[in-house]
Protein backbone atom coordinates (compact mmCIF):
# COMPACT_ATOMS: atom_id res chain seq x y z
CA ILE A 1 -56.53 54.87 -16.21
CA THR A 2 -54.00 55.06 -13.13
CA GLY A 3 -51.75 57.77 -12.12
CA LEU A 4 -48.15 56.10 -13.53
CA GLU A 5 -50.03 55.73 -16.90
CA LYS A 6 -51.21 59.40 -17.14
CA MET A 7 -47.20 60.28 -16.34
CA ALA A 8 -46.42 58.03 -19.38
CA VAL A 9 -48.63 59.33 -21.72
CA PHE A 10 -47.57 62.83 -20.93
CA LEU A 11 -43.44 61.73 -21.16
CA ALA A 12 -44.02 60.23 -24.35
CA TYR A 13 -46.08 63.24 -25.54
CA VAL A 14 -43.57 65.50 -24.57
CA VAL A 15 -40.84 64.05 -25.79
CA LEU A 16 -43.00 63.76 -29.93
CA LEU A 17 -42.85 67.29 -29.01
CA GLY A 18 -39.92 67.86 -29.18
CA VAL A 19 -38.74 65.81 -31.91
CA ALA A 20 -41.26 67.62 -34.06
CA GLY A 21 -39.88 71.40 -32.95
CA LEU A 22 -36.37 70.14 -33.26
CA SER A 23 -37.27 68.86 -36.39
CA SER A 24 -38.97 71.62 -37.42
CA SER A 25 -36.01 73.87 -36.49
CA MET A 26 -33.75 71.92 -38.77
CA ALA A 27 -35.34 72.59 -41.61
CA GLN A 28 -32.61 73.84 -44.19
CA SER A 29 -32.38 75.02 -48.21
CA LEU A 30 -29.32 73.59 -50.55
CA TYR A 31 -28.33 76.40 -52.52
CA ARG A 32 -25.91 75.32 -55.62
CA LEU A 33 -23.83 76.35 -57.84
CA ASN A 34 -22.02 74.78 -60.76
CA TYR A 35 -18.98 75.87 -62.91
CA ASN A 36 -20.15 77.19 -65.96
CA ASN A 37 -21.00 74.79 -68.68
CA SER A 38 -20.59 72.08 -66.20
CA ASP A 39 -22.48 69.72 -63.90
CA GLN A 40 -19.90 69.90 -60.99
CA PRO A 41 -20.27 72.36 -58.37
CA CYS A 42 -17.96 75.13 -57.23
CA VAL A 43 -20.42 75.80 -53.97
CA LEU A 44 -22.82 73.91 -52.09
CA VAL A 45 -24.69 75.59 -49.27
CA GLN A 46 -27.04 74.01 -46.89
CA ALA A 47 -28.65 76.51 -43.94
CA ASN A 48 -31.96 77.67 -42.62
CA ILE A 49 -31.27 81.46 -43.41
CA THR A 50 -33.43 84.09 -41.55
CA LEU A 51 -32.29 87.94 -41.92
CA TYR A 52 -33.27 90.59 -39.42
CA LEU A 53 -33.30 94.43 -40.91
CA ASP A 54 -34.15 96.06 -37.68
CA THR A 55 -36.10 93.91 -35.43
CA SER A 56 -38.26 92.37 -38.87
CA ALA A 57 -37.65 89.04 -40.90
CA VAL A 58 -36.95 90.23 -44.22
CA LEU A 59 -36.18 87.45 -47.20
CA SER A 60 -38.98 85.51 -48.95
CA GLY A 61 -38.11 82.56 -51.14
CA LEU A 62 -34.81 82.53 -51.46
CA GLY A 63 -32.95 80.90 -54.47
CA VAL A 64 -30.01 80.91 -56.24
CA ASN A 65 -29.34 84.28 -58.49
CA THR A 66 -27.33 82.85 -61.38
CA SER A 67 -27.17 85.54 -63.56
CA MET A 68 -25.34 87.65 -60.77
CA SER A 69 -23.59 84.49 -58.98
CA MET A 70 -20.16 83.84 -60.33
CA CYS A 71 -17.95 80.31 -60.59
CA ALA A 72 -15.73 80.36 -63.68
CA ASN A 73 -13.41 77.37 -63.98
CA ASN A 74 -10.22 78.13 -62.63
CA THR A 75 -10.65 80.59 -60.31
CA ASP A 76 -9.82 81.99 -57.09
CA LYS A 77 -13.00 83.92 -56.34
CA ILE A 78 -17.06 82.30 -56.01
CA ALA A 79 -19.81 84.82 -55.51
CA LEU A 80 -22.84 82.85 -54.68
CA VAL A 81 -25.42 85.50 -54.99
CA LEU A 82 -29.13 84.45 -53.67
CA SER A 83 -32.81 86.74 -53.99
CA ASP A 84 -35.80 86.27 -53.12
CA THR A 85 -39.44 87.11 -54.33
CA LEU A 86 -39.08 91.40 -53.48
CA GLY A 87 -35.32 91.24 -55.39
CA HIS A 88 -33.06 91.74 -52.42
CA LEU A 89 -29.67 90.35 -53.04
CA LEU A 90 -27.99 88.21 -50.23
CA GLN A 91 -24.21 87.22 -51.89
CA PHE A 92 -21.62 85.04 -50.37
CA LEU A 93 -17.92 85.74 -51.15
CA PHE A 94 -15.57 83.12 -50.98
CA LEU A 95 -12.04 83.24 -51.57
CA LYS A 96 -8.94 80.37 -52.21
CA VAL A 97 -6.02 81.09 -49.54
CA MET A 98 -2.37 81.32 -50.90
CA ASP A 99 0.25 78.77 -48.57
CA ASP A 100 3.00 81.85 -48.12
CA ASN A 101 5.52 78.95 -47.84
CA SER A 102 4.97 76.18 -50.87
CA ASN A 103 2.89 79.39 -52.71
CA LYS A 104 -0.06 76.88 -53.91
CA SER A 105 -3.51 77.14 -52.99
CA THR A 106 -4.86 74.78 -50.08
CA TYR A 107 -7.43 76.60 -48.52
CA TRP A 108 -10.70 78.04 -48.67
CA THR A 109 -12.58 80.63 -46.90
CA LEU A 110 -16.09 82.62 -46.64
CA GLN A 111 -14.16 85.90 -47.04
CA ASN A 112 -17.24 88.45 -47.23
CA VAL A 113 -21.30 88.28 -46.93
CA SER A 114 -23.10 91.31 -48.32
CA PHE A 115 -27.11 92.17 -48.53
CA ASN A 116 -28.49 94.82 -51.03
CA ASN A 117 -32.36 95.85 -50.48
CA GLY A 118 -32.03 98.22 -53.30
CA VAL A 119 -32.09 101.60 -51.36
CA GLU A 120 -28.72 100.16 -48.60
CA HIS A 121 -26.11 98.44 -48.60
CA PHE A 122 -25.01 95.89 -46.24
CA SER A 123 -21.70 94.02 -45.84
CA ASN A 124 -19.06 92.09 -43.62
CA ASN A 125 -15.89 90.77 -44.27
CA SER A 126 -14.44 88.69 -41.32
CA ASN A 127 -13.52 85.94 -42.89
CA LEU A 128 -15.74 83.96 -41.01
CA PHE A 129 -13.98 80.20 -41.25
CA TYR A 130 -11.04 78.93 -42.79
CA CYS A 131 -11.54 75.17 -44.79
CA GLN A 132 -9.14 72.39 -46.74
CA TYR A 133 -9.45 71.55 -50.09
CA TYR A 134 -11.70 68.75 -49.94
CA GLN A 135 -13.77 69.96 -46.47
CA SER A 136 -17.34 71.52 -45.41
CA PHE A 137 -17.58 73.45 -42.90
CA GLN A 138 -20.56 72.65 -40.63
CA CYS A 139 -22.20 73.97 -37.82
CA ASN A 140 -25.52 73.56 -36.26
CA SER A 141 -25.57 76.20 -33.69
CA LYS A 142 -27.37 79.54 -34.56
CA THR A 143 -24.20 82.21 -36.15
CA ASN A 144 -25.57 85.90 -35.48
CA ILE A 145 -23.90 87.72 -38.47
CA THR A 146 -23.63 91.55 -37.65
CA PHE A 147 -23.85 93.76 -41.15
CA LEU A 148 -22.41 97.11 -41.74
CA ASN A 149 -24.13 99.61 -43.24
CA THR A 150 -21.78 100.82 -46.35
CA THR A 151 -24.06 103.07 -47.67
CA SER A 152 -22.52 106.62 -48.66
CA ASN A 153 -25.53 108.88 -48.12
CA LEU A 154 -27.21 107.24 -45.34
CA THR A 155 -29.01 109.74 -42.97
CA ALA A 156 -30.55 106.84 -40.39
CA GLN A 157 -28.60 104.07 -39.32
CA THR A 158 -30.29 101.09 -39.91
CA SER A 159 -29.35 97.11 -38.08
CA LEU A 160 -28.83 93.88 -40.01
CA THR A 161 -27.94 90.68 -38.33
CA LEU A 162 -28.40 87.08 -40.24
CA SER A 163 -29.37 84.32 -38.86
CA ILE A 164 -27.75 80.82 -39.66
CA ALA A 165 -28.64 77.36 -37.84
CA TYR A 166 -27.89 73.68 -39.29
CA TRP A 167 -25.67 74.89 -42.14
CA GLN A 168 -23.33 73.11 -44.23
CA VAL A 169 -20.70 74.59 -47.18
CA GLN A 170 -18.47 73.78 -49.52
CA ALA A 171 -16.77 75.88 -51.71
CA PHE A 172 -14.21 75.20 -54.77
CA LYS A 173 -13.17 72.01 -54.72
CA PHE A 174 -15.50 68.09 -54.33
CA THR A 175 -14.40 64.32 -53.98
CA ASN A 176 -18.01 63.34 -55.44
CA GLN A 177 -20.83 66.10 -56.11
CA THR A 178 -21.90 65.99 -52.38
CA PHE A 179 -20.44 67.60 -49.10
CA ASP A 180 -17.12 66.02 -47.91
CA ALA A 181 -15.87 65.05 -44.04
CA ALA A 182 -16.59 68.21 -42.21
CA ARG A 183 -15.02 70.66 -39.85
CA TYR A 184 -17.29 71.70 -37.41
CA CYS A 185 -17.82 74.96 -35.64
CA VAL A 186 -16.75 75.57 -31.89
CA ASN A 187 -19.66 76.30 -30.78
CA ASP A 188 -20.70 72.95 -31.95
CA TYR A 189 -18.67 71.10 -29.37
CA LYS A 190 -19.90 73.82 -26.53
CA SER A 191 -23.08 73.37 -27.01
CA SER A 192 -23.10 69.46 -27.16
CA VAL A 193 -22.40 68.68 -23.80
CA VAL A 194 -26.19 70.14 -22.57
CA PRO A 195 -28.22 68.45 -24.95
CA VAL A 196 -26.56 65.19 -24.02
CA ILE A 197 -27.39 65.87 -20.60
CA VAL A 198 -30.54 66.61 -20.93
CA GLY A 199 -31.69 63.92 -23.35
CA ALA A 200 -29.93 61.22 -20.77
CA ALA A 201 -31.48 62.43 -17.81
CA MET A 202 -35.13 62.16 -20.04
CA ALA A 203 -34.33 58.40 -21.01
CA GLY A 204 -33.81 57.82 -17.19
CA LEU A 205 -36.57 59.36 -16.32
CA ILE A 206 -38.99 57.39 -18.94
CA VAL A 207 -36.94 54.25 -17.83
CA VAL A 208 -38.12 55.09 -13.88
CA VAL A 209 -41.73 55.35 -15.39
CA LEU A 210 -41.68 52.26 -17.05
CA ILE A 211 -40.54 50.05 -14.25
CA ALA A 212 -43.13 52.20 -12.05
CA TYR A 213 -45.46 51.39 -14.28
CA VAL A 214 -44.33 47.26 -14.72
CA ILE A 215 -44.32 46.94 -10.76
CA SER A 216 -47.81 48.63 -10.51
CA GLN A 217 -49.73 46.41 -13.23
CA MET A 218 -47.50 43.50 -11.26
CA ARG A 219 -48.95 44.40 -8.00
CA ASN A 220 -52.41 44.68 -9.97
CA TRP A 221 -52.02 41.36 -11.49
CA ARG A 222 -51.09 39.86 -7.97
CA SER A 223 -54.09 41.62 -6.78
CA GLN A 224 -56.65 40.40 -8.84
CA ARG A 225 -55.37 36.97 -9.22
CA GLY A 226 -55.70 36.59 -5.33
CA THR A 227 -59.40 37.46 -5.46
CA SER A 228 -60.00 35.60 -7.95
CA SER A 229 -58.53 32.31 -5.98
CA TYR A 230 -60.33 33.54 -2.74
CA GLY A 231 -63.79 34.10 -4.76
CA ARG A 232 -62.99 30.28 -5.57
CA LEU A 233 -62.77 29.34 -2.05
């Protein structure tokens, strides 16, 4: 095997590793909560969720806790509660937003995210994003949400950070039973340039190696053909 062939095999291996790594990092779970006594969704969350308590990752086997979640018909508030195998609770609170001019609600927001581990309570009230009805919010970039510890009798501060990546969210109104067209986060626009440049550079390098490989093979073929012809003279 020639040096060029070895390089081609190596590049193919690198590309496969990159695809495998990207696929694993994009692993997502879908959390769905329906309106009461209905098969229509009131909220959909698809995300890769990791929660760090101090420096340790917590949450294992997250699922929708329907008994603690809240999604009444014609409600102005939706509470999606996820619980894990250890009894930890992660709540996403969605609210309708009223238009001051028309006095009608045309937007919704993720108003609050909170976490309870049975001992301490953490909360974040930052209105993470706004969307129109029949519109989802999507963010492939990693978003880190820092929580404030709201436990009244706490003596030692505990750091809690929620890391969400490759997430898509929609609440209240849906055209069908899945996500509508998405509004993307600002970080996706900023971070999309680097992968394009890297991908283009890698594609160009692969093309160069393939061309060099073809030229090398043609030279070898011509050399072998010349040797054969010389041997018959």
